[in-house]
Amino acid sequence: SRSGSPRNRLYPRQLEDQTKKLQKDMKKSTDADL
């Protein structure tokens, strides 16, 4: 289940959100540099 062990093994939403956030932050950083 969602609360089972391991906690997020079957629910990759957190990793997806973190990846998209990192991509967005990197884009903001390079835009600011330019």
PDB file of all heavy atoms in Angstrom:
ATOM      1  N   SER A   1       0.833  -1.188   0.000  1.00  0.00           N
ATOM      2  CA  SER A   1       0.000   0.000   0.000  1.00  0.00           C
ATOM      3  C   SER A   1       0.871   1.242   0.000  1.00  0.00           C
ATOM      4  O   SER A   1       2.082   1.171   0.132  1.00  0.00           O
ATOM      5  CB  SER A   1      -0.909   0.022   1.235  1.00  0.00           C
ATOM      6  OG  SER A   1      -0.135   0.163   2.408  1.00  0.00           O
ATOM      7  N   ARG A   2       0.211   2.386  -0.089  1.00  0.00           N
ATOM      8  CA  ARG A   2       0.948   3.661  -0.076  1.00  0.00           C
ATOM      9  C   ARG A   2       1.720   3.841   1.220  1.00  0.00           C
ATOM     10  O   ARG A   2       2.760   4.465   1.248  1.00  0.00           O
ATOM     11  CB  ARG A   2      -0.017   4.840  -0.255  1.00  0.00           C
ATOM     12  CG  ARG A   2      -0.570   4.946  -1.664  1.00  0.00           C
ATOM     13  CD  ARG A   2      -1.462   6.179  -1.776  1.00  0.00           C
ATOM     14  NE  ARG A   2      -2.088   6.228  -3.090  1.00  0.00           N
ATOM     15  CZ  ARG A   2      -1.564   6.829  -4.130  1.00  0.00           C
ATOM     16  NH1 ARG A   2      -0.400   7.402  -4.015  1.00  0.00           N
ATOM     17  NH2 ARG A   2      -2.186   6.853  -5.280  1.00  0.00           N
ATOM     18  N   SER A   3       1.175   3.318   2.285  1.00  0.00           N
ATOM     19  CA  SER A   3       1.844   3.468   3.569  1.00  0.00           C
ATOM     20  C   SER A   3       2.710   2.274   3.909  1.00  0.00           C
ATOM     21  O   SER A   3       3.270   2.192   4.983  1.00  0.00           O
ATOM     22  CB  SER A   3       0.798   3.661   4.677  1.00  0.00           C
ATOM     23  OG  SER A   3      -0.072   2.546   4.714  1.00  0.00           O
ATOM     24  N   GLY A   4       2.816   1.321   2.993  1.00  0.00           N
ATOM     25  CA  GLY A   4       3.576   0.111   3.253  1.00  0.00           C
ATOM     26  C   GLY A   4       5.062   0.335   3.127  1.00  0.00           C
ATOM     27  O   GLY A   4       5.533   1.436   2.894  1.00  0.00           O
ATOM     28  N   SER A   5       5.817  -0.752   3.244  1.00  0.00           N
ATOM     29  CA  SER A   5       7.268  -0.665   3.147  1.00  0.00           C
ATOM     30  C   SER A   5       7.738  -1.419   1.916  1.00  0.00           C
ATOM     31  O   SER A   5       7.258  -2.526   1.640  1.00  0.00           O
ATOM     32  CB  SER A   5       7.908  -1.289   4.389  1.00  0.00           C
ATOM     33  OG  SER A   5       9.305  -1.272   4.283  1.00  0.00           O
ATOM     34  N   PRO A   6       8.662  -0.863   1.121  1.00  0.00           N
ATOM     35  CA  PRO A   6       9.236   0.477   1.250  1.00  0.00           C
ATOM     36  C   PRO A   6       8.245   1.555   0.849  1.00  0.00           C
ATOM     37  O   PRO A   6       7.450   1.349  -0.047  1.00  0.00           O
ATOM     38  CB  PRO A   6      10.446   0.452   0.332  1.00  0.00           C
ATOM     39  CG  PRO A   6      10.118  -0.572  -0.684  1.00  0.00           C
ATOM     40  CD  PRO A   6       9.265  -1.610  -0.001  1.00  0.00           C
ATOM     41  N   ARG A   7       8.334   2.723   1.444  1.00  0.00           N
ATOM     42  CA  ARG A   7       7.279   3.724   1.396  1.00  0.00           C
ATOM     43  C   ARG A   7       6.906   4.152  -0.020  1.00  0.00           C
ATOM     44  O   ARG A   7       5.739   4.141  -0.386  1.00  0.00           O
ATOM     45  CB  ARG A   7       7.699   4.946   2.228  1.00  0.00           C
ATOM     46  CG  ARG A   7       6.649   6.039   2.220  1.00  0.00           C
ATOM     47  CD  ARG A   7       7.012   7.114   3.221  1.00  0.00           C
ATOM     48  NE  ARG A   7       6.064   8.204   3.188  1.00  0.00           N
ATOM     49  CZ  ARG A   7       4.869   8.182   3.746  1.00  0.00           C
ATOM     50  NH1 ARG A   7       4.469   7.106   4.381  1.00  0.00           N
ATOM     51  NH2 ARG A   7       4.061   9.221   3.680  1.00  0.00           N
ATOM     52  N   ASN A   8       7.878   4.535  -0.822  1.00  0.00           N
ATOM     53  CA  ASN A   8       7.557   5.107  -2.134  1.00  0.00           C
ATOM     54  C   ASN A   8       7.963   4.200  -3.291  1.00  0.00           C
ATOM     55  O   ASN A   8       8.123   4.654  -4.408  1.00  0.00           O
ATOM     56  CB  ASN A   8       8.245   6.475  -2.294  1.00  0.00           C
ATOM     57  CG  ASN A   8       7.606   7.534  -1.423  1.00  0.00           C
ATOM     58  OD1 ASN A   8       6.382   7.587  -1.339  1.00  0.00           O
ATOM     59  ND2 ASN A   8       8.412   8.338  -0.770  1.00  0.00           N
ATOM     60  N   ARG A   9       8.126   2.917  -3.013  1.00  0.00           N
ATOM     61  CA  ARG A   9       8.654   2.035  -4.060  1.00  0.00           C
ATOM     62  C   ARG A   9       7.736   1.992  -5.278  1.00  0.00           C
ATOM     63  O   ARG A   9       8.183   1.936  -6.409  1.00  0.00           O
ATOM     64  CB  ARG A   9       8.851   0.644  -3.486  1.00  0.00           C
ATOM     65  CG  ARG A   9       9.407  -0.353  -4.501  1.00  0.00           C
ATOM     66  CD  ARG A   9       9.879  -1.619  -3.834  1.00  0.00           C
ATOM     67  NE  ARG A   9      11.073  -1.371  -3.058  1.00  0.00           N
ATOM     68  CZ  ARG A   9      11.661  -2.311  -2.318  1.00  0.00           C
ATOM     69  NH1 ARG A   9      11.139  -3.515  -2.237  1.00  0.00           N
ATOM     70  NH2 ARG A   9      12.753  -2.023  -1.644  1.00  0.00           N
ATOM     71  N   LEU A  10       6.421   1.998  -5.036  1.00  0.00           N
ATOM     72  CA  LEU A  10       5.494   1.888  -6.148  1.00  0.00           C
ATOM     73  C   LEU A  10       4.879   3.235  -6.524  1.00  0.00           C
ATOM     74  O   LEU A  10       4.014   3.290  -7.374  1.00  0.00           O
ATOM     75  CB  LEU A  10       4.377   0.896  -5.808  1.00  0.00           C
ATOM     76  CG  LEU A  10       4.825  -0.551  -5.594  1.00  0.00           C
ATOM     77  CD1 LEU A  10       3.618  -1.428  -5.340  1.00  0.00           C
ATOM     78  CD2 LEU A  10       5.601  -1.071  -6.776  1.00  0.00           C
ATOM     79  N   TYR A  11       5.328   4.321  -5.885  1.00  0.00           N
ATOM     80  CA  TYR A  11       4.726   5.612  -6.138  1.00  0.00           C
ATOM     81  C   TYR A  11       5.820   6.630  -6.433  1.00  0.00           C
ATOM     82  O   TYR A  11       6.342   7.276  -5.524  1.00  0.00           O
ATOM     83  CB  TYR A  11       3.859   6.034  -4.947  1.00  0.00           C
ATOM     84  CG  TYR A  11       2.721   5.079  -4.738  1.00  0.00           C
ATOM     85  CD1 TYR A  11       2.862   3.970  -3.916  1.00  0.00           C
ATOM     86  CD2 TYR A  11       1.515   5.251  -5.421  1.00  0.00           C
ATOM     87  CE1 TYR A  11       1.824   3.064  -3.758  1.00  0.00           C
ATOM     88  CE2 TYR A  11       0.476   4.348  -5.263  1.00  0.00           C
ATOM     89  CZ  TYR A  11       0.634   3.258  -4.428  1.00  0.00           C
ATOM     90  OH  TYR A  11      -0.382   2.360  -4.284  1.00  0.00           O
ATOM     91  N   PRO A  12       6.194   6.786  -7.701  1.00  0.00           N
ATOM     92  CA  PRO A  12       7.348   7.614  -8.073  1.00  0.00           C
ATOM     93  C   PRO A  12       7.034   9.103  -8.179  1.00  0.00           C
ATOM     94  O   PRO A  12       7.836   9.861  -8.691  1.00  0.00           O
ATOM     95  CB  PRO A  12       7.723   7.058  -9.446  1.00  0.00           C
ATOM     96  CG  PRO A  12       6.417   6.609 -10.021  1.00  0.00           C
ATOM     97  CD  PRO A  12       5.620   6.068  -8.857  1.00  0.00           C
ATOM     98  N   ARG A  13       5.866   9.534  -7.697  1.00  0.00           N
ATOM     99  CA  ARG A  13       5.471  10.930  -7.861  1.00  0.00           C
ATOM    100  C   ARG A  13       6.467  11.892  -7.226  1.00  0.00           C
ATOM    101  O   ARG A  13       6.775  12.944  -7.794  1.00  0.00           O
ATOM    102  CB  ARG A  13       4.089  11.137  -7.242  1.00  0.00           C
ATOM    103  CG  ARG A  13       3.550  12.556  -7.362  1.00  0.00           C
ATOM    104  CD  ARG A  13       3.309  12.930  -8.814  1.00  0.00           C
ATOM    105  NE  ARG A  13       2.282  12.102  -9.408  1.00  0.00           N
ATOM    106  CZ  ARG A  13       1.919  12.157 -10.677  1.00  0.00           C
ATOM    107  NH1 ARG A  13       2.560  12.978 -11.496  1.00  0.00           N
ATOM    108  NH2 ARG A  13       0.969  11.378 -11.148  1.00  0.00           N
ATOM    109  N   GLN A  14       6.992  11.534  -6.061  1.00  0.00           N
ATOM    110  CA  GLN A  14       7.930  12.424  -5.385  1.00  0.00           C
ATOM    111  C   GLN A  14       9.196  12.617  -6.207  1.00  0.00           C
ATOM    112  O   GLN A  14       9.678  13.737  -6.366  1.00  0.00           O
ATOM    113  CB  GLN A  14       8.280  11.873  -4.001  1.00  0.00           C
ATOM    114  CG  GLN A  14       9.207  12.791  -3.205  1.00  0.00           C
ATOM    115  CD  GLN A  14       9.551  12.240  -1.836  1.00  0.00           C
ATOM    116  OE1 GLN A  14       9.302  11.078  -1.546  1.00  0.00           O
ATOM    117  NE2 GLN A  14      10.125  13.068  -0.998  1.00  0.00           N
ATOM    118  N   LEU A  15       9.730  11.541  -6.757  1.00  0.00           N
ATOM    119  CA  LEU A  15      10.924  11.649  -7.589  1.00  0.00           C
ATOM    120  C   LEU A  15      10.627  12.453  -8.846  1.00  0.00           C
ATOM    121  O   LEU A  15      11.456  13.268  -9.284  1.00  0.00           O
ATOM    122  CB  LEU A  15      11.425  10.250  -7.966  1.00  0.00           C
ATOM    123  CG  LEU A  15      12.660  10.202  -8.871  1.00  0.00           C
ATOM    124  CD1 LEU A  15      13.836  10.917  -8.228  1.00  0.00           C
ATOM    125  CD2 LEU A  15      13.025   8.745  -9.185  1.00  0.00           C
ATOM    126  N   GLU A  16       9.468  12.261  -9.422  1.00  0.00           N
ATOM    127  CA  GLU A  16       9.077  13.023 -10.610  1.00  0.00           C
ATOM    128  C   GLU A  16       8.999  14.512 -10.290  1.00  0.00           C
ATOM    129  O   GLU A  16       9.525  15.350 -11.032  1.00  0.00           O
ATOM    130  CB  GLU A  16       7.730  12.531 -11.128  1.00  0.00           C
ATOM    131  CG  GLU A  16       7.238  13.286 -12.363  1.00  0.00           C
ATOM    132  CD  GLU A  16       5.903  12.802 -12.854  1.00  0.00           C
ATOM    133  OE1 GLU A  16       5.238  12.029 -12.133  1.00  0.00           O
ATOM    134  OE2 GLU A  16       5.505  13.197 -13.970  1.00  0.00           O
ATOM    135  N   ASP A  17       8.366  14.850  -9.167  1.00  0.00           N
ATOM    136  CA  ASP A  17       8.233  16.257  -8.775  1.00  0.00           C
ATOM    137  C   ASP A  17       9.601  16.881  -8.517  1.00  0.00           C
ATOM    138  O   ASP A  17       9.863  18.025  -8.909  1.00  0.00           O
ATOM    139  CB  ASP A  17       7.364  16.373  -7.522  1.00  0.00           C
ATOM    140  CG  ASP A  17       5.903  16.022  -7.794  1.00  0.00           C
ATOM    141  OD1 ASP A  17       5.517  15.999  -8.972  1.00  0.00           O
ATOM    142  OD2 ASP A  17       5.162  15.760  -6.823  1.00  0.00           O
ATOM    143  N   GLN A  18      10.482  16.140  -7.860  1.00  0.00           N
ATOM    144  CA  GLN A  18      11.817  16.659  -7.560  1.00  0.00           C
ATOM    145  C   GLN A  18      12.623  16.864  -8.839  1.00  0.00           C
ATOM    146  O   GLN A  18      13.365  17.846  -8.967  1.00  0.00           O
ATOM    147  CB  GLN A  18      12.547  15.710  -6.615  1.00  0.00           C
ATOM    148  CG  GLN A  18      11.971  15.683  -5.207  1.00  0.00           C
ATOM    149  CD  GLN A  18      12.597  14.610  -4.344  1.00  0.00           C
ATOM    150  OE1 GLN A  18      13.256  13.687  -4.837  1.00  0.00           O
ATOM    151  NE2 GLN A  18      12.398  14.711  -3.041  1.00  0.00           N
ATOM    152  N   THR A  19      12.490  15.936  -9.780  1.00  0.00           N
ATOM    153  CA  THR A  19      13.211  16.059 -11.044  1.00  0.00           C
ATOM    154  C   THR A  19      12.740  17.280 -11.829  1.00  0.00           C
ATOM    155  O   THR A  19      13.548  18.057 -12.357  1.00  0.00           O
ATOM    156  CB  THR A  19      13.012  14.791 -11.894  1.00  0.00           C
ATOM    157  OG1 THR A  19      13.473  13.645 -11.173  1.00  0.00           O
ATOM    158  CG2 THR A  19      13.780  14.900 -13.206  1.00  0.00           C
ATOM    159  N   LYS A  20      11.422  17.483 -11.894  1.00  0.00           N
ATOM    160  CA  LYS A  20      10.877  18.631 -12.616  1.00  0.00           C
ATOM    161  C   LYS A  20      11.260  19.936 -11.925  1.00  0.00           C
ATOM    162  O   LYS A  20      11.537  20.939 -12.598  1.00  0.00           O
ATOM    163  CB  LYS A  20       9.356  18.505 -12.720  1.00  0.00           C
ATOM    164  CG  LYS A  20       8.900  17.413 -13.666  1.00  0.00           C
ATOM    165  CD  LYS A  20       7.389  17.344 -13.761  1.00  0.00           C
ATOM    166  CE  LYS A  20       6.950  16.286 -14.765  1.00  0.00           C
ATOM    167  NZ  LYS A  20       5.478  16.191 -14.861  1.00  0.00           N
ATOM    168  N   LYS A  21      11.269  19.933 -10.597  1.00  0.00           N
ATOM    169  CA  LYS A  21      11.659  21.140  -9.859  1.00  0.00           C
ATOM    170  C   LYS A  21      13.119  21.482 -10.118  1.00  0.00           C
ATOM    171  O   LYS A  21      13.471  22.654 -10.318  1.00  0.00           O
ATOM    172  CB  LYS A  21      11.426  20.948  -8.355  1.00  0.00           C
ATOM    173  CG  LYS A  21      11.747  22.188  -7.518  1.00  0.00           C
ATOM    174  CD  LYS A  21      11.459  21.935  -6.048  1.00  0.00           C
ATOM    175  CE  LYS A  21      11.694  23.201  -5.221  1.00  0.00           C
ATOM    176  NZ  LYS A  21      13.065  23.721  -5.331  1.00  0.00           N
ATOM    177  N   LEU A  22      13.975  20.458 -10.131  1.00  0.00           N
ATOM    178  CA  LEU A  22      15.392  20.690 -10.395  1.00  0.00           C
ATOM    179  C   LEU A  22      15.594  21.235 -11.801  1.00  0.00           C
ATOM    180  O   LEU A  22      16.385  22.157 -12.021  1.00  0.00           O
ATOM    181  CB  LEU A  22      16.170  19.384 -10.212  1.00  0.00           C
ATOM    182  CG  LEU A  22      17.686  19.454 -10.445  1.00  0.00           C
ATOM    183  CD1 LEU A  22      18.325  20.482  -9.526  1.00  0.00           C
ATOM    184  CD2 LEU A  22      18.310  18.074 -10.239  1.00  0.00           C
ATOM    185  N   GLN A  23      14.880  20.673 -12.764  1.00  0.00           N
ATOM    186  CA  GLN A  23      14.973  21.155 -14.142  1.00  0.00           C
ATOM    187  C   GLN A  23      14.520  22.610 -14.236  1.00  0.00           C
ATOM    188  O   GLN A  23      15.169  23.442 -14.891  1.00  0.00           O
ATOM    189  CB  GLN A  23      14.097  20.282 -15.046  1.00  0.00           C
ATOM    190  CG  GLN A  23      14.095  20.701 -16.511  1.00  0.00           C
ATOM    191  CD  GLN A  23      13.143  19.863 -17.341  1.00  0.00           C
ATOM    192  OE1 GLN A  23      12.685  18.800 -16.928  1.00  0.00           O
ATOM    193  NE2 GLN A  23      12.805  20.354 -18.516  1.00  0.00           N
ATOM    194  N   LYS A  24      13.433  22.941 -13.560  1.00  0.00           N
ATOM    195  CA  LYS A  24      12.910  24.307 -13.569  1.00  0.00           C
ATOM    196  C   LYS A  24      13.881  25.263 -12.900  1.00  0.00           C
ATOM    197  O   LYS A  24      14.136  26.375 -13.399  1.00  0.00           O
ATOM    198  CB  LYS A  24      11.561  24.335 -12.856  1.00  0.00           C
ATOM    199  CG  LYS A  24      10.870  25.681 -12.887  1.00  0.00           C
ATOM    200  CD  LYS A  24       9.513  25.603 -12.213  1.00  0.00           C
ATOM    201  CE  LYS A  24       8.799  26.959 -12.231  1.00  0.00           C
ATOM    202  NZ  LYS A  24       7.470  26.882 -11.563  1.00  0.00           N
ATOM    203  N   ASP A  25      14.466  24.851 -11.770  1.00  0.00           N
ATOM    204  CA  ASP A  25      15.417  25.713 -11.057  1.00  0.00           C
ATOM    205  C   ASP A  25      16.687  25.940 -11.870  1.00  0.00           C
ATOM    206  O   ASP A  25      17.251  27.050 -11.869  1.00  0.00           O
ATOM    207  CB  ASP A  25      15.774  25.093  -9.708  1.00  0.00           C
ATOM    208  CG  ASP A  25      14.622  25.148  -8.717  1.00  0.00           C
ATOM    209  OD1 ASP A  25      13.675  25.921  -8.962  1.00  0.00           O
ATOM    210  OD2 ASP A  25      14.674  24.418  -7.704  1.00  0.00           O
ATOM    211  N   MET A  26      17.162  24.898 -12.569  1.00  0.00           N
ATOM    212  CA  MET A  26      18.342  25.052 -13.409  1.00  0.00           C
ATOM    213  C   MET A  26      18.072  26.027 -14.552  1.00  0.00           C
ATOM    214  O   MET A  26      18.926  26.848 -14.908  1.00  0.00           O
ATOM    215  CB  MET A  26      18.773  23.696 -13.971  1.00  0.00           C
ATOM    216  CG  MET A  26      19.413  22.758 -12.959  1.00  0.00           C
ATOM    217  SD  MET A  26      20.898  23.447 -12.171  1.00  0.00           S
ATOM    218  CE  MET A  26      21.868  23.899 -13.600  1.00  0.00           C
ATOM    219  N   LYS A  27      16.874  25.957 -15.118  1.00  0.00           N
ATOM    220  CA  LYS A  27      16.511  26.878 -16.204  1.00  0.00           C
ATOM    221  C   LYS A  27      16.462  28.314 -15.681  1.00  0.00           C
ATOM    222  O   LYS A  27      16.947  29.251 -16.350  1.00  0.00           O
ATOM    223  CB  LYS A  27      15.145  26.477 -16.781  1.00  0.00           C
ATOM    224  CG  LYS A  27      14.696  27.310 -17.974  1.00  0.00           C
ATOM    225  CD  LYS A  27      15.635  27.108 -19.150  1.00  0.00           C
ATOM    226  CE  LYS A  27      15.060  27.665 -20.447  1.00  0.00           C
ATOM    227  NZ  LYS A  27      14.777  29.119 -20.381  1.00  0.00           N
ATOM    228  N   LYS A  28      15.889  28.513 -14.504  1.00  0.00           N
ATOM    229  CA  LYS A  28      15.853  29.848 -13.910  1.00  0.00           C
ATOM    230  C   LYS A  28      17.266  30.376 -13.666  1.00  0.00           C
ATOM    231  O   LYS A  28      17.551  31.551 -13.892  1.00  0.00           O
ATOM    232  CB  LYS A  28      15.086  29.814 -12.586  1.00  0.00           C
ATOM    233  CG  LYS A  28      13.581  29.700 -12.722  1.00  0.00           C
ATOM    234  CD  LYS A  28      12.926  29.738 -11.357  1.00  0.00           C
ATOM    235  CE  LYS A  28      11.408  29.670 -11.466  1.00  0.00           C
ATOM    236  NZ  LYS A  28      10.752  29.697 -10.133  1.00  0.00           N
ATOM    237  N   SER A  29      18.145  29.491 -13.193  1.00  0.00           N
ATOM    238  CA  SER A  29      19.519  29.891 -12.899  1.00  0.00           C
ATOM    239  C   SER A  29      20.251  30.335 -14.161  1.00  0.00           C
ATOM    240  O   SER A  29      20.928  31.378 -14.164  1.00  0.00           O
ATOM    241  CB  SER A  29      20.262  28.725 -12.233  1.00  0.00           C
ATOM    242  OG  SER A  29      21.620  29.035 -12.022  1.00  0.00           O
ATOM    243  N   THR A  30      20.135  29.563 -15.230  1.00  0.00           N
ATOM    244  CA  THR A  30      20.830  29.921 -16.472  1.00  0.00           C
ATOM    245  C   THR A  30      20.232  31.182 -17.092  1.00  0.00           C
ATOM    246  O   THR A  30      20.964  32.009 -17.643  1.00  0.00           O
ATOM    247  CB  THR A  30      20.784  28.767 -17.484  1.00  0.00           C
ATOM    248  OG1 THR A  30      19.419  28.347 -17.690  1.00  0.00           O
ATOM    249  CG2 THR A  30      21.586  27.571 -16.984  1.00  0.00           C
ATOM    250  N   ASP A  31      18.915  31.343 -16.990  1.00  0.00           N
ATOM    251  CA  ASP A  31      18.287  32.575 -17.497  1.00  0.00           C
ATOM    252  C   ASP A  31      18.794  33.796 -16.732  1.00  0.00           C
ATOM    253  O   ASP A  31      19.059  34.853 -17.326  1.00  0.00           O
ATOM    254  CB  ASP A  31      16.768  32.485 -17.375  1.00  0.00           C
ATOM    255  CG  ASP A  31      16.154  31.532 -18.395  1.00  0.00           C
ATOM    256  OD1 ASP A  31      16.862  31.144 -19.343  1.00  0.00           O
ATOM    257  OD2 ASP A  31      14.970  31.183 -18.226  1.00  0.00           O
ATOM    258  N   ALA A  32      18.922  33.639 -15.413  1.00  0.00           N
ATOM    259  CA  ALA A  32      19.416  34.748 -14.594  1.00  0.00           C
ATOM    260  C   ALA A  32      20.877  35.069 -14.929  1.00  0.00           C
ATOM    261  O   ALA A  32      21.277  36.244 -14.972  1.00  0.00           O
ATOM    262  CB  ALA A  32      19.275  34.404 -13.114  1.00  0.00           C
ATOM    263  N   ASP A  33      21.680  34.025 -15.160  1.00  0.00           N
ATOM    264  CA  ASP A  33      23.078  34.233 -15.539  1.00  0.00           C
ATOM    265  C   ASP A  33      23.180  35.031 -16.836  1.00  0.00           C
ATOM    266  O   ASP A  33      23.983  35.977 -16.948  1.00  0.00           O
ATOM    267  CB  ASP A  33      23.787  32.887 -15.708  1.00  0.00           C
ATOM    268  CG  ASP A  33      24.177  32.268 -14.379  1.00  0.00           C
ATOM    269  OD1 ASP A  33      24.071  32.969 -13.360  1.00  0.00           O
ATOM    270  OD2 ASP A  33      24.584  31.094 -14.371  1.00  0.00           O
ATOM    271  N   LEU A  34      22.385  34.635 -17.819  1.00  0.00           N
ATOM    272  CA  LEU A  34      22.419  35.334 -19.102  1.00  0.00           C
ATOM    273  C   LEU A  34      21.951  36.780 -18.959  1.00  0.00           C
ATOM    274  O   LEU A  34      22.535  37.694 -19.557  1.00  0.00           O
ATOM    275  CB  LEU A  34      21.537  34.600 -20.121  1.00  0.00           C
ATOM    276  CG  LEU A  34      22.098  33.301 -20.695  1.00  0.00           C
ATOM    277  CD1 LEU A  34      21.091  32.661 -21.638  1.00  0.00           C
ATOM    278  CD2 LEU A  34      23.409  33.568 -21.442  1.00  0.00           C
TER     279      LEU A  34
END
